All heavy atoms as atom14 arrays in JSON, in Angstrom:
{
  "sequence": "QFMHRFRLKRWKLVSNVKAAGTAKIVVLWTPSTVHVDLLDFSP",
  "atom14_mask": [
    [1, 1, 1, 1, 1, 1, 1, 1, 1, 0, 0, 0, 0, 0],
    [1, 1, 1, 1, 1, 1, 1, 1, 1, 1, 1, 0, 0, 0],
    [1, 1, 1, 1, 1, 1, 1, 1, 0, 0, 0, 0, 0, 0],
    [1, 1, 1, 1, 1, 1, 1, 1, 1, 1, 0, 0, 0, 0],
    [1, 1, 1, 1, 1, 1, 1, 1, 1, 1, 1, 0, 0, 0],
    [1, 1, 1, 1, 1, 1, 1, 1, 1, 1, 1, 0, 0, 0],
    [1, 1, 1, 1, 1, 1, 1, 1, 1, 1, 1, 0, 0, 0],
    [1, 1, 1, 1, 1, 1, 1, 1, 0, 0, 0, 0, 0, 0],
    [1, 1, 1, 1, 1, 1, 1, 1, 1, 0, 0, 0, 0, 0],
    [1, 1, 1, 1, 1, 1, 1, 1, 1, 1, 1, 0, 0, 0],
    [1, 1, 1, 1, 1, 1, 1, 1, 1, 1, 1, 1, 1, 1],
    [1, 1, 1, 1, 1, 1, 1, 1, 1, 0, 0, 0, 0, 0],
    [1, 1, 1, 1, 1, 1, 1, 1, 0, 0, 0, 0, 0, 0],
    [1, 1, 1, 1, 1, 1, 1, 0, 0, 0, 0, 0, 0, 0],
    [1, 1, 1, 1, 1, 1, 0, 0, 0, 0, 0, 0, 0, 0],
    [1, 1, 1, 1, 1, 1, 1, 1, 0, 0, 0, 0, 0, 0],
    [1, 1, 1, 1, 1, 1, 1, 0, 0, 0, 0, 0, 0, 0],
    [1, 1, 1, 1, 1, 1, 1, 1, 1, 0, 0, 0, 0, 0],
    [1, 1, 1, 1, 1, 0, 0, 0, 0, 0, 0, 0, 0, 0],
    [1, 1, 1, 1, 1, 0, 0, 0, 0, 0, 0, 0, 0, 0],
    [1, 1, 1, 1, 0, 0, 0, 0, 0, 0, 0, 0, 0, 0],
    [1, 1, 1, 1, 1, 1, 1, 0, 0, 0, 0, 0, 0, 0],
    [1, 1, 1, 1, 1, 0, 0, 0, 0, 0, 0, 0, 0, 0],
    [1, 1, 1, 1, 1, 1, 1, 1, 1, 0, 0, 0, 0, 0],
    [1, 1, 1, 1, 1, 1, 1, 1, 0, 0, 0, 0, 0, 0],
    [1, 1, 1, 1, 1, 1, 1, 0, 0, 0, 0, 0, 0, 0],
    [1, 1, 1, 1, 1, 1, 1, 0, 0, 0, 0, 0, 0, 0],
    [1, 1, 1, 1, 1, 1, 1, 1, 0, 0, 0, 0, 0, 0],
    [1, 1, 1, 1, 1, 1, 1, 1, 1, 1, 1, 1, 1, 1],
    [1, 1, 1, 1, 1, 1, 1, 0, 0, 0, 0, 0, 0, 0],
    [1, 1, 1, 1, 1, 1, 1, 0, 0, 0, 0, 0, 0, 0],
    [1, 1, 1, 1, 1, 1, 0, 0, 0, 0, 0, 0, 0, 0],
    [1, 1, 1, 1, 1, 1, 1, 0, 0, 0, 0, 0, 0, 0],
    [1, 1, 1, 1, 1, 1, 1, 0, 0, 0, 0, 0, 0, 0],
    [1, 1, 1, 1, 1, 1, 1, 1, 1, 1, 0, 0, 0, 0],
    [1, 1, 1, 1, 1, 1, 1, 0, 0, 0, 0, 0, 0, 0],
    [1, 1, 1, 1, 1, 1, 1, 1, 0, 0, 0, 0, 0, 0],
    [1, 1, 1, 1, 1, 1, 1, 1, 0, 0, 0, 0, 0, 0],
    [1, 1, 1, 1, 1, 1, 1, 1, 0, 0, 0, 0, 0, 0],
    [1, 1, 1, 1, 1, 1, 1, 1, 0, 0, 0, 0, 0, 0],
    [1, 1, 1, 1, 1, 1, 1, 1, 1, 1, 1, 0, 0, 0],
    [1, 1, 1, 1, 1, 1, 0, 0, 0, 0, 0, 0, 0, 0],
    [1, 1, 1, 1, 1, 1, 1, 0, 0, 0, 0, 0, 0, 0]
  ],
  "atom14_positions": [
    [[103.88, 197.61, 100.83], [103.33, 198.84, 101.41], [101.87, 198.64, 101.83], [101.45, 199.12, 102.87], [103.43, 199.99, 100.43], [104.85, 200.45, 100.22], [104.95, 201.49, 99.12], [103.95, 201.92, 98.54], [106.16, 201.9, 98.82], [0.0, 0.0, 0.0], [0.0, 0.0, 0.0], [0.0, 0.0, 0.0], [0.0, 0.0, 0.0], [0.0, 0.0, 0.0]],
    [[101.09, 197.93, 101.01], [99.69, 197.66, 101.34], [99.6, 196.85, 102.62], [98.81, 197.16, 103.51], [99.01, 196.91, 100.19], [97.59, 196.53, 100.49], [96.57, 197.44, 100.31], [97.28, 195.26, 100.96], [95.25, 197.1, 100.59], [95.97, 194.91, 101.25], [94.96, 195.83, 101.05], [0.0, 0.0, 0.0], [0.0, 0.0, 0.0], [0.0, 0.0, 0.0]],
    [[100.41, 195.79, 102.71], [100.4, 194.94, 103.9], [100.73, 195.76, 105.15], [100.08, 195.64, 106.17], [101.42, 193.8, 103.75], [101.5, 192.89, 104.95], [102.75, 191.62, 104.8], [104.24, 192.57, 105.05], [0.0, 0.0, 0.0], [0.0, 0.0, 0.0], [0.0, 0.0, 0.0], [0.0, 0.0, 0.0], [0.0, 0.0, 0.0], [0.0, 0.0, 0.0]],
    [[101.72, 196.62, 105.03], [102.14, 197.41, 106.17], [101.09, 198.46, 106.54], [100.75, 198.62, 107.71], [103.48, 198.08, 105.87], [104.04, 198.82, 107.02], [104.32, 200.15, 106.97], [104.35, 198.42, 108.28], [104.79, 200.55, 108.15], [104.82, 199.52, 108.95], [0.0, 0.0, 0.0], [0.0, 0.0, 0.0], [0.0, 0.0, 0.0], [0.0, 0.0, 0.0]],
    [[100.57, 199.13, 105.57], [99.63, 200.23, 105.82], [98.28, 199.75, 106.36], [97.69, 200.38, 107.23], [99.41, 201.02, 104.53], [98.66, 202.31, 104.74], [98.55, 203.14, 103.47], [99.85, 203.38, 102.88], [100.11, 203.26, 101.57], [99.17, 202.92, 100.73], [101.31, 203.49, 101.11], [0.0, 0.0, 0.0], [0.0, 0.0, 0.0], [0.0, 0.0, 0.0]],
    [[97.79, 198.63, 105.86], [96.43, 198.21, 106.21], [96.35, 197.03, 107.17], [95.31, 196.8, 107.76], [95.63, 197.91, 104.95], [95.41, 199.13, 104.11], [96.12, 199.31, 102.94], [94.52, 200.11, 104.51], [95.94, 200.45, 102.17], [94.33, 201.25, 103.75], [95.04, 201.42, 102.57], [0.0, 0.0, 0.0], [0.0, 0.0, 0.0], [0.0, 0.0, 0.0]],
    [[97.41, 196.29, 107.32], [97.37, 195.11, 108.19], [98.22, 195.25, 109.44], [97.9, 194.71, 110.48], [97.84, 193.87, 107.42], [97.04, 193.58, 106.2], [96.01, 192.59, 106.5], [95.28, 192.27, 105.26], [94.2, 191.59, 105.27], [93.7, 191.14, 106.38], [93.57, 191.35, 104.14], [0.0, 0.0, 0.0], [0.0, 0.0, 0.0], [0.0, 0.0, 0.0]],
    [[99.35, 195.93, 109.31], [100.32, 195.99, 110.41], [100.73, 197.43, 110.7], [101.91, 197.77, 110.73], [101.56, 195.14, 110.04], [101.26, 193.67, 109.76], [102.44, 193.02, 109.07], [100.93, 192.95, 111.05], [0.0, 0.0, 0.0], [0.0, 0.0, 0.0], [0.0, 0.0, 0.0], [0.0, 0.0, 0.0], [0.0, 0.0, 0.0], [0.0, 0.0, 0.0]],
    [[99.77, 198.28, 110.94], [100.01, 199.71, 111.13], [100.97, 200.01, 112.29], [101.79, 200.9, 112.2], [98.71, 200.45, 111.39], [97.78, 200.52, 110.24], [96.53, 201.27, 110.64], [95.48, 201.14, 109.57], [94.25, 201.81, 109.94], [0.0, 0.0, 0.0], [0.0, 0.0, 0.0], [0.0, 0.0, 0.0], [0.0, 0.0, 0.0], [0.0, 0.0, 0.0]],
    [[100.85, 199.27, 113.36], [101.65, 199.57, 114.55], [103.04, 198.95, 114.52], [103.83, 199.16, 115.4], [100.91, 199.13, 115.81], [99.66, 199.98, 116.05], [98.9, 199.49, 117.21], [98.12, 198.32, 116.74], [97.27, 197.65, 117.45], [97.08, 197.97, 118.7], [96.62, 196.64, 116.94], [0.0, 0.0, 0.0], [0.0, 0.0, 0.0], [0.0, 0.0, 0.0]],
    [[103.33, 198.19, 113.49], [104.63, 197.55, 113.34], [105.51, 198.37, 112.41], [105.03, 199.05, 111.52], [104.46, 196.16, 112.75], [103.83, 195.18, 113.67], [102.55, 195.2, 114.13], [104.43, 194.05, 114.24], [102.32, 194.13, 114.96], [103.47, 193.4, 115.04], [105.7, 193.49, 114.16], [103.73, 192.24, 115.74], [105.95, 192.33, 114.86], [104.99, 191.72, 115.64]],
    [[106.81, 198.28, 112.61], [107.76, 198.86, 111.67], [108.35, 197.71, 110.88], [108.34, 196.57, 111.33], [108.86, 199.62, 112.4], [108.35, 200.87, 113.06], [109.45, 201.84, 113.26], [108.84, 203.12, 113.82], [109.63, 204.26, 113.51], [0.0, 0.0, 0.0], [0.0, 0.0, 0.0], [0.0, 0.0, 0.0], [0.0, 0.0, 0.0], [0.0, 0.0, 0.0]],
    [[108.86, 198.01, 109.69], [109.45, 196.95, 108.89], [110.63, 197.45, 108.08], [110.7, 198.63, 107.75], [108.42, 196.28, 108.0], [107.83, 197.01, 106.8], [108.7, 196.89, 105.58], [106.48, 196.43, 106.48], [0.0, 0.0, 0.0], [0.0, 0.0, 0.0], [0.0, 0.0, 0.0], [0.0, 0.0, 0.0], [0.0, 0.0, 0.0], [0.0, 0.0, 0.0]],
    [[111.52, 196.52, 107.76], [112.59, 196.74, 106.8], [112.59, 195.53, 105.87], [112.21, 194.43, 106.26], [113.98, 196.92, 107.45], [114.05, 198.2, 108.24], [114.36, 195.74, 108.3], [0.0, 0.0, 0.0], [0.0, 0.0, 0.0], [0.0, 0.0, 0.0], [0.0, 0.0, 0.0], [0.0, 0.0, 0.0], [0.0, 0.0, 0.0], [0.0, 0.0, 0.0]],
    [[113.01, 195.77, 104.64], [113.1, 194.68, 103.67], [114.2, 195.01, 102.67], [114.75, 196.1, 102.67], [111.78, 194.49, 102.94], [111.59, 195.52, 101.99], [0.0, 0.0, 0.0], [0.0, 0.0, 0.0], [0.0, 0.0, 0.0], [0.0, 0.0, 0.0], [0.0, 0.0, 0.0], [0.0, 0.0, 0.0], [0.0, 0.0, 0.0], [0.0, 0.0, 0.0]],
    [[114.48, 194.07, 101.81], [115.45, 194.3, 100.75], [114.77, 194.51, 99.39], [115.35, 194.25, 98.35], [116.46, 193.15, 100.69], [115.83, 191.84, 100.25], [114.62, 191.66, 100.34], [116.66, 190.93, 99.77], [0.0, 0.0, 0.0], [0.0, 0.0, 0.0], [0.0, 0.0, 0.0], [0.0, 0.0, 0.0], [0.0, 0.0, 0.0], [0.0, 0.0, 0.0]],
    [[113.55, 195.01, 99.39], [112.78, 195.19, 98.16], [113.47, 196.16, 97.2], [113.45, 195.96, 95.99], [111.32, 195.62, 98.45], [111.23, 197.04, 98.97], [110.45, 195.44, 97.22], [0.0, 0.0, 0.0], [0.0, 0.0, 0.0], [0.0, 0.0, 0.0], [0.0, 0.0, 0.0], [0.0, 0.0, 0.0], [0.0, 0.0, 0.0], [0.0, 0.0, 0.0]],
    [[114.13, 197.19, 97.69], [114.78, 198.16, 96.8], [116.01, 197.57, 96.13], [116.33, 197.92, 95.01], [115.14, 199.42, 97.57], [113.93, 200.24, 97.94], [114.3, 201.51, 98.64], [113.05, 202.27, 99.02], [113.35, 203.47, 99.79], [0.0, 0.0, 0.0], [0.0, 0.0, 0.0], [0.0, 0.0, 0.0], [0.0, 0.0, 0.0], [0.0, 0.0, 0.0]],
    [[116.69, 196.67, 96.8], [117.89, 196.06, 96.23], [117.57, 194.87, 95.34], [118.29, 194.59, 94.39], [118.83, 195.61, 97.35], [0.0, 0.0, 0.0], [0.0, 0.0, 0.0], [0.0, 0.0, 0.0], [0.0, 0.0, 0.0], [0.0, 0.0, 0.0], [0.0, 0.0, 0.0], [0.0, 0.0, 0.0], [0.0, 0.0, 0.0], [0.0, 0.0, 0.0]],
    [[116.5, 194.17, 95.64], [116.21, 192.91, 94.94], [115.07, 193.0, 93.94], [114.88, 192.08, 93.15], [115.91, 191.82, 95.96], [0.0, 0.0, 0.0], [0.0, 0.0, 0.0], [0.0, 0.0, 0.0], [0.0, 0.0, 0.0], [0.0, 0.0, 0.0], [0.0, 0.0, 0.0], [0.0, 0.0, 0.0], [0.0, 0.0, 0.0], [0.0, 0.0, 0.0]],
    [[114.26, 194.07, 93.97], [113.1, 194.15, 93.09], [111.85, 193.56, 93.73], [110.75, 194.04, 93.53], [0.0, 0.0, 0.0], [0.0, 0.0, 0.0], [0.0, 0.0, 0.0], [0.0, 0.0, 0.0], [0.0, 0.0, 0.0], [0.0, 0.0, 0.0], [0.0, 0.0, 0.0], [0.0, 0.0, 0.0], [0.0, 0.0, 0.0], [0.0, 0.0, 0.0]],
    [[112.03, 192.48, 94.47], [110.96, 191.91, 95.29], [111.54, 191.68, 96.67], [112.73, 191.46, 96.82], [110.44, 190.57, 94.73], [111.52, 189.64, 94.66], [109.8, 190.74, 93.37], [0.0, 0.0, 0.0], [0.0, 0.0, 0.0], [0.0, 0.0, 0.0], [0.0, 0.0, 0.0], [0.0, 0.0, 0.0], [0.0, 0.0, 0.0], [0.0, 0.0, 0.0]],
    [[110.68, 191.74, 97.67], [111.15, 191.58, 99.05], [111.4, 190.11, 99.34], [110.47, 189.34, 99.49], [110.12, 192.15, 100.02], [0.0, 0.0, 0.0], [0.0, 0.0, 0.0], [0.0, 0.0, 0.0], [0.0, 0.0, 0.0], [0.0, 0.0, 0.0], [0.0, 0.0, 0.0], [0.0, 0.0, 0.0], [0.0, 0.0, 0.0], [0.0, 0.0, 0.0]],
    [[112.65, 189.74, 99.38], [113.0, 188.36, 99.71], [113.15, 188.18, 101.21], [112.99, 187.1, 101.73], [114.26, 187.95, 98.99], [114.04, 187.99, 97.5], [115.2, 187.48, 96.74], [114.84, 187.65, 95.28], [115.46, 186.9, 94.36], [0.0, 0.0, 0.0], [0.0, 0.0, 0.0], [0.0, 0.0, 0.0], [0.0, 0.0, 0.0], [0.0, 0.0, 0.0]],
    [[113.46, 189.27, 101.9], [113.57, 189.25, 103.35], [112.79, 190.43, 103.91], [112.96, 191.55, 103.47], [115.02, 189.34, 103.83], [115.83, 188.16, 103.3], [115.1, 189.41, 105.35], [117.31, 188.28, 103.54], [0.0, 0.0, 0.0], [0.0, 0.0, 0.0], [0.0, 0.0, 0.0], [0.0, 0.0, 0.0], [0.0, 0.0, 0.0], [0.0, 0.0, 0.0]],
    [[111.91, 190.17, 104.87], [111.15, 191.21, 105.54], [111.29, 190.98, 107.04], [111.07, 189.87, 107.52], [109.65, 191.18, 105.16], [108.87, 192.26, 105.89], [109.47, 191.32, 103.66], [0.0, 0.0, 0.0], [0.0, 0.0, 0.0], [0.0, 0.0, 0.0], [0.0, 0.0, 0.0], [0.0, 0.0, 0.0], [0.0, 0.0, 0.0], [0.0, 0.0, 0.0]],
    [[111.67, 192.03, 107.76], [111.75, 191.95, 109.22], [110.77, 192.98, 109.78], [110.81, 194.14, 109.41], [113.18, 192.23, 109.74], [113.22, 192.21, 111.26], [114.17, 191.23, 109.15], [0.0, 0.0, 0.0], [0.0, 0.0, 0.0], [0.0, 0.0, 0.0], [0.0, 0.0, 0.0], [0.0, 0.0, 0.0], [0.0, 0.0, 0.0], [0.0, 0.0, 0.0]],
    [[109.88, 192.52, 110.65], [108.89, 193.39, 111.28], [109.11, 193.38, 112.78], [109.53, 192.37, 113.34], [107.48, 192.88, 110.99], [107.12, 192.75, 109.52], [106.9, 191.3, 109.19], [105.91, 193.56, 109.21], [0.0, 0.0, 0.0], [0.0, 0.0, 0.0], [0.0, 0.0, 0.0], [0.0, 0.0, 0.0], [0.0, 0.0, 0.0], [0.0, 0.0, 0.0]],
    [[108.82, 194.51, 113.44], [108.96, 194.58, 114.89], [108.03, 195.63, 115.47], [107.56, 196.51, 114.77], [110.41, 194.87, 115.29], [110.87, 196.26, 114.94], [110.84, 197.36, 115.75], [111.41, 196.7, 113.7], [111.34, 198.45, 115.09], [111.69, 198.07, 113.83], [111.68, 196.08, 112.49], [112.24, 198.81, 112.8], [112.23, 196.83, 111.47], [112.5, 198.17, 111.63]],
    [[107.74, 195.47, 116.75], [106.93, 196.46, 117.46], [107.86, 197.5, 118.05], [108.69, 197.18, 118.9], [106.09, 195.81, 118.57], [106.95, 195.09, 119.43], [105.03, 194.89, 118.01], [0.0, 0.0, 0.0], [0.0, 0.0, 0.0], [0.0, 0.0, 0.0], [0.0, 0.0, 0.0], [0.0, 0.0, 0.0], [0.0, 0.0, 0.0], [0.0, 0.0, 0.0]],
    [[107.77, 198.74, 117.62], [108.7, 199.77, 118.07], [108.58, 200.13, 119.55], [109.51, 200.69, 120.12], [108.38, 200.97, 117.19], [107.0, 200.73, 116.69], [106.81, 199.25, 116.65], [0.0, 0.0, 0.0], [0.0, 0.0, 0.0], [0.0, 0.0, 0.0], [0.0, 0.0, 0.0], [0.0, 0.0, 0.0], [0.0, 0.0, 0.0], [0.0, 0.0, 0.0]],
    [[107.49, 199.76, 120.18], [107.34, 200.07, 121.6], [108.2, 199.15, 122.48], [108.52, 199.51, 123.61], [105.87, 199.94, 122.01], [105.41, 198.63, 121.78], [0.0, 0.0, 0.0], [0.0, 0.0, 0.0], [0.0, 0.0, 0.0], [0.0, 0.0, 0.0], [0.0, 0.0, 0.0], [0.0, 0.0, 0.0], [0.0, 0.0, 0.0], [0.0, 0.0, 0.0]],
    [[108.61, 198.0, 121.95], [109.4, 197.07, 122.76], [110.75, 196.71, 122.14], [111.61, 196.19, 122.83], [108.63, 195.75, 122.99], [108.27, 195.2, 121.72], [107.38, 195.99, 123.81], [0.0, 0.0, 0.0], [0.0, 0.0, 0.0], [0.0, 0.0, 0.0], [0.0, 0.0, 0.0], [0.0, 0.0, 0.0], [0.0, 0.0, 0.0], [0.0, 0.0, 0.0]],
    [[110.94, 196.96, 120.84], [112.16, 196.55, 120.16], [112.73, 197.72, 119.38], [111.99, 198.48, 118.75], [111.87, 195.38, 119.19], [113.1, 194.99, 118.42], [111.31, 194.18, 119.94], [0.0, 0.0, 0.0], [0.0, 0.0, 0.0], [0.0, 0.0, 0.0], [0.0, 0.0, 0.0], [0.0, 0.0, 0.0], [0.0, 0.0, 0.0], [0.0, 0.0, 0.0]],
    [[114.06, 197.84, 119.39], [114.76, 198.85, 118.59], [115.62, 198.12, 117.56], [116.38, 197.23, 117.92], [115.64, 199.73, 119.47], [116.44, 200.71, 118.68], [115.9, 201.86, 118.17], [117.73, 200.7, 118.31], [116.83, 202.52, 117.52], [117.96, 201.83, 117.59], [0.0, 0.0, 0.0], [0.0, 0.0, 0.0], [0.0, 0.0, 0.0], [0.0, 0.0, 0.0]],
    [[115.49, 198.47, 116.28], [116.22, 197.81, 115.22], [117.05, 198.85, 114.47], [116.54, 199.92, 114.11], [115.27, 197.09, 114.23], [116.02, 196.56, 113.03], [114.52, 195.98, 114.93], [0.0, 0.0, 0.0], [0.0, 0.0, 0.0], [0.0, 0.0, 0.0], [0.0, 0.0, 0.0], [0.0, 0.0, 0.0], [0.0, 0.0, 0.0], [0.0, 0.0, 0.0]],
    [[118.31, 198.54, 114.23], [119.18, 199.35, 113.39], [119.56, 198.55, 112.16], [120.16, 197.48, 112.28], [120.45, 199.75, 114.14], [120.2, 200.78, 115.21], [119.36, 201.66, 115.0], [120.86, 200.69, 116.27], [0.0, 0.0, 0.0], [0.0, 0.0, 0.0], [0.0, 0.0, 0.0], [0.0, 0.0, 0.0], [0.0, 0.0, 0.0], [0.0, 0.0, 0.0]],
    [[119.19, 199.02, 110.99], [119.55, 198.36, 109.75], [120.97, 198.77, 109.4], [121.27, 199.94, 109.23], [118.6, 198.78, 108.62], [118.91, 198.21, 107.24], [118.79, 196.69, 107.26], [117.99, 198.82, 106.22], [0.0, 0.0, 0.0], [0.0, 0.0, 0.0], [0.0, 0.0, 0.0], [0.0, 0.0, 0.0], [0.0, 0.0, 0.0], [0.0, 0.0, 0.0]],
    [[121.85, 197.8, 109.3], [123.24, 198.07, 108.98], [123.51, 198.0, 107.48], [124.28, 198.79, 106.95], [124.16, 197.08, 109.7], [124.06, 197.11, 111.22], [124.96, 196.03, 111.81], [124.42, 198.47, 111.77], [0.0, 0.0, 0.0], [0.0, 0.0, 0.0], [0.0, 0.0, 0.0], [0.0, 0.0, 0.0], [0.0, 0.0, 0.0], [0.0, 0.0, 0.0]],
    [[122.86, 197.07, 106.79], [123.09, 196.9, 105.37], [122.01, 195.99, 104.79], [121.37, 195.25, 105.53], [124.46, 196.27, 105.13], [124.92, 196.38, 103.69], [124.35, 197.17, 102.92], [125.86, 195.65, 103.32], [0.0, 0.0, 0.0], [0.0, 0.0, 0.0], [0.0, 0.0, 0.0], [0.0, 0.0, 0.0], [0.0, 0.0, 0.0], [0.0, 0.0, 0.0]],
    [[121.79, 196.06, 103.49], [120.9, 195.13, 102.83], [121.38, 194.91, 101.41], [122.08, 195.75, 100.85], [119.43, 195.58, 102.88], [119.14, 196.83, 102.1], [118.67, 196.76, 100.8], [119.33, 198.08, 102.66], [118.4, 197.9, 100.09], [119.04, 199.22, 101.96], [118.59, 199.14, 100.64], [0.0, 0.0, 0.0], [0.0, 0.0, 0.0], [0.0, 0.0, 0.0]],
    [[121.03, 193.78, 100.85], [121.44, 193.43, 99.49], [120.43, 192.45, 98.92], [119.58, 191.93, 99.64], [122.84, 192.81, 99.52], [122.82, 191.57, 100.18], [0.0, 0.0, 0.0], [0.0, 0.0, 0.0], [0.0, 0.0, 0.0], [0.0, 0.0, 0.0], [0.0, 0.0, 0.0], [0.0, 0.0, 0.0], [0.0, 0.0, 0.0], [0.0, 0.0, 0.0]],
    [[120.54, 192.19, 97.62], [119.6, 191.23, 97.02], [119.75, 189.85, 97.62], [118.89, 189.08, 97.74], [119.96, 191.2, 95.54], [120.8, 192.38, 95.28], [121.38, 192.78, 96.59], [0.0, 0.0, 0.0], [0.0, 0.0, 0.0], [0.0, 0.0, 0.0], [0.0, 0.0, 0.0], [0.0, 0.0, 0.0], [0.0, 0.0, 0.0], [0.0, 0.0, 0.0]]
  ]
}
């Protein structure tokens, strides 16, 4: 959350932090040019 809030404000992100306890996978994108749909996540 700190990285996203203070370093990458204009980017959106998804991760598996809720499923795994730590984020093992993080995907970031610029919403002005890319559309991402999260279908599923797991540890």
